[in-house]
Each structure stands twice: as C-alpha cells, then as structure tokens.
Amino acid sequence: MKFLLILLLWVILLVLCWPLALLLLIFWPILWLLSIPFRIFGAVMEALLSLVKALLFLPARLLGGKEKQ
C-alpha cells in the first residue's frame, strides 16, 4: 500500500514537473544509502533506552510490581 502511494505521488510529480521527477528517481538510491547510518544509530539508541528502562524497573519487578502497557 505504501509503495502504491509513493508510486502515485511520483507519477503526479512526473506529470507536473518531469525533470524533478527524473532527478528524484536518480538520487533516491543515493539518499537511501546515506540514511542507513542514521537508521543504525536509531536502532542502537532504542536498544540502549530499553536496557536503561529495564534496569530502572528491575527492583519493582523483583518486588512484585505490576507492569503497565
């Protein structure tokens, strides 16, 4: 579904301004490659924050506190 929406938006851009659409088609893989380090950094930060949360809530879990979700 997401792919179809992106394709539809690109076709609309192609009709309105074809040079920009072709430029986007060429540079999209390059932008995707440049975003990989930020995705890895985000995953690492999420894991670290989950670890800190688990360590902070460990005493409550050991004492029998109920977990809210």
N, C-alpha and C. Protein backbone atom coordinates (compact mmCIF):
# COMPACT_ATOMS: atom_id res chain seq x y z
N MET A 1 0.83 -1.20 0.00
CA MET A 1 0.00 0.00 0.00
C MET A 1 0.87 1.26 0.00
N LYS A 2 1.93 1.22 0.81
CA LYS A 2 2.82 2.37 0.89
C LYS A 2 3.54 2.57 -0.45
N PHE A 3 3.93 1.46 -1.08
CA PHE A 3 4.60 1.54 -2.37
C PHE A 3 3.68 2.15 -3.42
N LEU A 4 2.42 1.77 -3.42
CA LEU A 4 1.48 2.32 -4.39
C LEU A 4 1.28 3.82 -4.20
N LEU A 5 1.23 4.26 -2.95
CA LEU A 5 1.09 5.68 -2.67
C LEU A 5 2.31 6.46 -3.17
N ILE A 6 3.51 5.92 -2.91
CA ILE A 6 4.73 6.57 -3.38
C ILE A 6 4.76 6.61 -4.91
N LEU A 7 4.36 5.51 -5.53
CA LEU A 7 4.33 5.46 -6.99
C LEU A 7 3.34 6.47 -7.56
N LEU A 8 2.18 6.59 -6.93
CA LEU A 8 1.18 7.56 -7.38
C LEU A 8 1.69 8.99 -7.25
N LEU A 9 2.35 9.29 -6.13
CA LEU A 9 2.91 10.63 -5.93
C LEU A 9 4.01 10.92 -6.95
N TRP A 10 4.81 9.89 -7.26
CA TRP A 10 5.86 10.10 -8.25
C TRP A 10 5.28 10.34 -9.64
N VAL A 11 4.23 9.61 -9.99
CA VAL A 11 3.59 9.81 -11.30
C VAL A 11 2.98 11.21 -11.39
N ILE A 12 2.38 11.69 -10.32
CA ILE A 12 1.84 13.05 -10.30
C ILE A 12 2.97 14.06 -10.48
N LEU A 13 4.11 13.83 -9.79
CA LEU A 13 5.26 14.71 -9.96
C LEU A 13 5.80 14.62 -11.39
N LEU A 14 5.76 13.44 -11.97
CA LEU A 14 6.22 13.27 -13.35
C LEU A 14 5.37 14.09 -14.31
N VAL A 15 4.08 14.12 -14.07
CA VAL A 15 3.18 14.89 -14.94
C VAL A 15 3.39 16.39 -14.73
N LEU A 16 3.57 16.81 -13.49
CA LEU A 16 3.69 18.24 -13.20
C LEU A 16 5.07 18.80 -13.55
N CYS A 17 6.11 18.06 -13.20
CA CYS A 17 7.48 18.57 -13.41
C CYS A 17 8.40 17.38 -13.68
N TRP A 18 8.48 16.95 -14.94
CA TRP A 18 9.21 15.74 -15.26
C TRP A 18 10.71 15.81 -14.98
N PRO A 19 11.39 16.95 -15.11
CA PRO A 19 12.83 16.94 -14.77
C PRO A 19 13.07 16.65 -13.29
N LEU A 20 12.23 17.21 -12.43
CA LEU A 20 12.38 16.96 -11.00
C LEU A 20 12.09 15.50 -10.66
N ALA A 21 11.10 14.91 -11.33
CA ALA A 21 10.77 13.51 -11.09
C ALA A 21 11.92 12.60 -11.52
N LEU A 22 12.54 12.88 -12.63
CA LEU A 22 13.67 12.07 -13.08
C LEU A 22 14.88 12.25 -12.18
N LEU A 23 15.09 13.47 -11.71
CA LEU A 23 16.18 13.73 -10.76
C LEU A 23 15.96 12.96 -9.46
N LEU A 24 14.73 12.94 -8.99
CA LEU A 24 14.39 12.19 -7.79
C LEU A 24 14.60 10.70 -8.00
N LEU A 25 14.27 10.22 -9.18
CA LEU A 25 14.45 8.80 -9.49
C LEU A 25 15.92 8.42 -9.48
N ILE A 26 16.78 9.35 -9.90
CA ILE A 26 18.22 9.07 -9.92
C ILE A 26 18.83 9.15 -8.52
N PHE A 27 18.42 10.16 -7.74
CA PHE A 27 19.05 10.38 -6.44
C PHE A 27 18.41 9.61 -5.28
N TRP A 28 17.27 8.97 -5.48
CA TRP A 28 16.60 8.24 -4.39
C TRP A 28 17.49 7.13 -3.81
N PRO A 29 18.14 6.28 -4.63
CA PRO A 29 19.02 5.26 -4.03
C PRO A 29 20.19 5.84 -3.25
N ILE A 30 20.72 6.97 -3.72
CA ILE A 30 21.83 7.61 -3.02
C ILE A 30 21.37 8.12 -1.65
N LEU A 31 20.19 8.74 -1.62
CA LEU A 31 19.65 9.22 -0.34
C LEU A 31 19.36 8.06 0.61
N TRP A 32 18.88 6.94 0.04
CA TRP A 32 18.60 5.77 0.88
C TRP A 32 19.90 5.23 1.49
N LEU A 33 20.97 5.19 0.70
CA LEU A 33 22.25 4.72 1.22
C LEU A 33 22.80 5.66 2.30
N LEU A 34 22.60 6.95 2.12
CA LEU A 34 23.07 7.90 3.13
C LEU A 34 22.27 7.82 4.43
N SER A 35 21.04 7.33 4.37
CA SER A 35 20.21 7.25 5.57
C SER A 35 20.49 6.00 6.42
N ILE A 36 21.23 5.03 5.88
CA ILE A 36 21.50 3.79 6.62
C ILE A 36 22.20 4.03 7.96
N PRO A 37 23.25 4.85 8.03
CA PRO A 37 23.88 5.06 9.35
C PRO A 37 22.92 5.66 10.38
N PHE A 38 22.02 6.54 9.94
CA PHE A 38 21.06 7.11 10.88
C PHE A 38 20.07 6.07 11.36
N ARG A 39 19.69 5.14 10.51
CA ARG A 39 18.79 4.06 10.93
C ARG A 39 19.48 3.15 11.94
N ILE A 40 20.76 2.85 11.70
CA ILE A 40 21.51 2.01 12.65
C ILE A 40 21.64 2.73 13.98
N PHE A 41 21.96 4.01 13.94
CA PHE A 41 22.08 4.80 15.17
C PHE A 41 20.75 4.81 15.93
N GLY A 42 19.64 4.96 15.22
CA GLY A 42 18.33 4.95 15.87
C GLY A 42 18.02 3.62 16.52
N ALA A 43 18.38 2.53 15.87
CA ALA A 43 18.14 1.20 16.44
C ALA A 43 18.99 0.98 17.70
N VAL A 44 20.24 1.44 17.65
CA VAL A 44 21.12 1.30 18.82
C VAL A 44 20.60 2.13 19.98
N MET A 45 20.17 3.35 19.70
CA MET A 45 19.65 4.21 20.78
C MET A 45 18.37 3.62 21.38
N GLU A 46 17.51 3.06 20.54
CA GLU A 46 16.29 2.43 21.06
C GLU A 46 16.64 1.24 21.96
N ALA A 47 17.63 0.46 21.56
CA ALA A 47 18.05 -0.68 22.38
C ALA A 47 18.65 -0.21 23.71
N LEU A 48 19.46 0.84 23.67
CA LEU A 48 20.06 1.35 24.91
C LEU A 48 19.00 1.91 25.86
N LEU A 49 18.03 2.62 25.32
CA LEU A 49 16.97 3.16 26.17
C LEU A 49 16.10 2.06 26.75
N SER A 50 15.88 0.99 25.98
CA SER A 50 15.13 -0.15 26.51
C SER A 50 15.91 -0.83 27.63
N LEU A 51 17.22 -0.92 27.48
CA LEU A 51 18.05 -1.51 28.53
C LEU A 51 18.00 -0.68 29.81
N VAL A 52 18.11 0.64 29.67
CA VAL A 52 18.05 1.53 30.84
C VAL A 52 16.68 1.41 31.51
N LYS A 53 15.62 1.35 30.72
CA LYS A 53 14.28 1.21 31.29
C LYS A 53 14.15 -0.11 32.04
N ALA A 54 14.68 -1.18 31.45
CA ALA A 54 14.62 -2.49 32.12
C ALA A 54 15.40 -2.48 33.43
N LEU A 55 16.56 -1.82 33.43
CA LEU A 55 17.35 -1.74 34.66
C LEU A 55 16.66 -0.89 35.73
N LEU A 56 16.00 0.17 35.33
CA LEU A 56 15.31 1.02 36.30
C LEU A 56 14.09 0.34 36.89
N PHE A 57 13.40 -0.46 36.10
CA PHE A 57 12.19 -1.12 36.58
C PHE A 57 12.47 -2.49 37.21
N LEU A 58 13.73 -2.94 37.19
CA LEU A 58 14.06 -4.25 37.74
C LEU A 58 13.71 -4.38 39.22
N PRO A 59 14.02 -3.39 40.09
CA PRO A 59 13.64 -3.56 41.50
C PRO A 59 12.13 -3.69 41.69
N ALA A 60 11.36 -2.94 40.95
CA ALA A 60 9.91 -3.04 41.08
C ALA A 60 9.41 -4.40 40.61
N ARG A 61 10.00 -4.92 39.57
CA ARG A 61 9.58 -6.23 39.06
C ARG A 61 9.96 -7.32 40.05
N LEU A 62 11.13 -7.17 40.70
CA LEU A 62 11.54 -8.18 41.68
C LEU A 62 10.66 -8.15 42.92
N LEU A 63 10.14 -6.96 43.27
CA LEU A 63 9.28 -6.85 44.43
C LEU A 63 7.81 -7.17 44.11
N GLY A 64 7.52 -7.49 42.88
CA GLY A 64 6.19 -7.91 42.51
C GLY A 64 5.29 -6.80 42.00
N GLY A 65 5.85 -5.72 41.53
CA GLY A 65 5.04 -4.65 40.97
C GLY A 65 4.40 -5.08 39.65
N LYS A 66 3.23 -4.50 39.37
CA LYS A 66 2.55 -4.84 38.13
C LYS A 66 3.03 -3.93 37.01
N GLU A 67 3.22 -4.51 35.84
CA GLU A 67 3.72 -3.77 34.69
C GLU A 67 2.54 -3.19 33.91
N LYS A 68 2.63 -1.90 33.58
CA LYS A 68 1.60 -1.26 32.76
C LYS A 68 2.06 -1.22 31.32
N GLN A 69 1.12 -1.44 30.40
CA GLN A 69 1.47 -1.38 28.99
C GLN A 69 0.57 -0.48 28.24
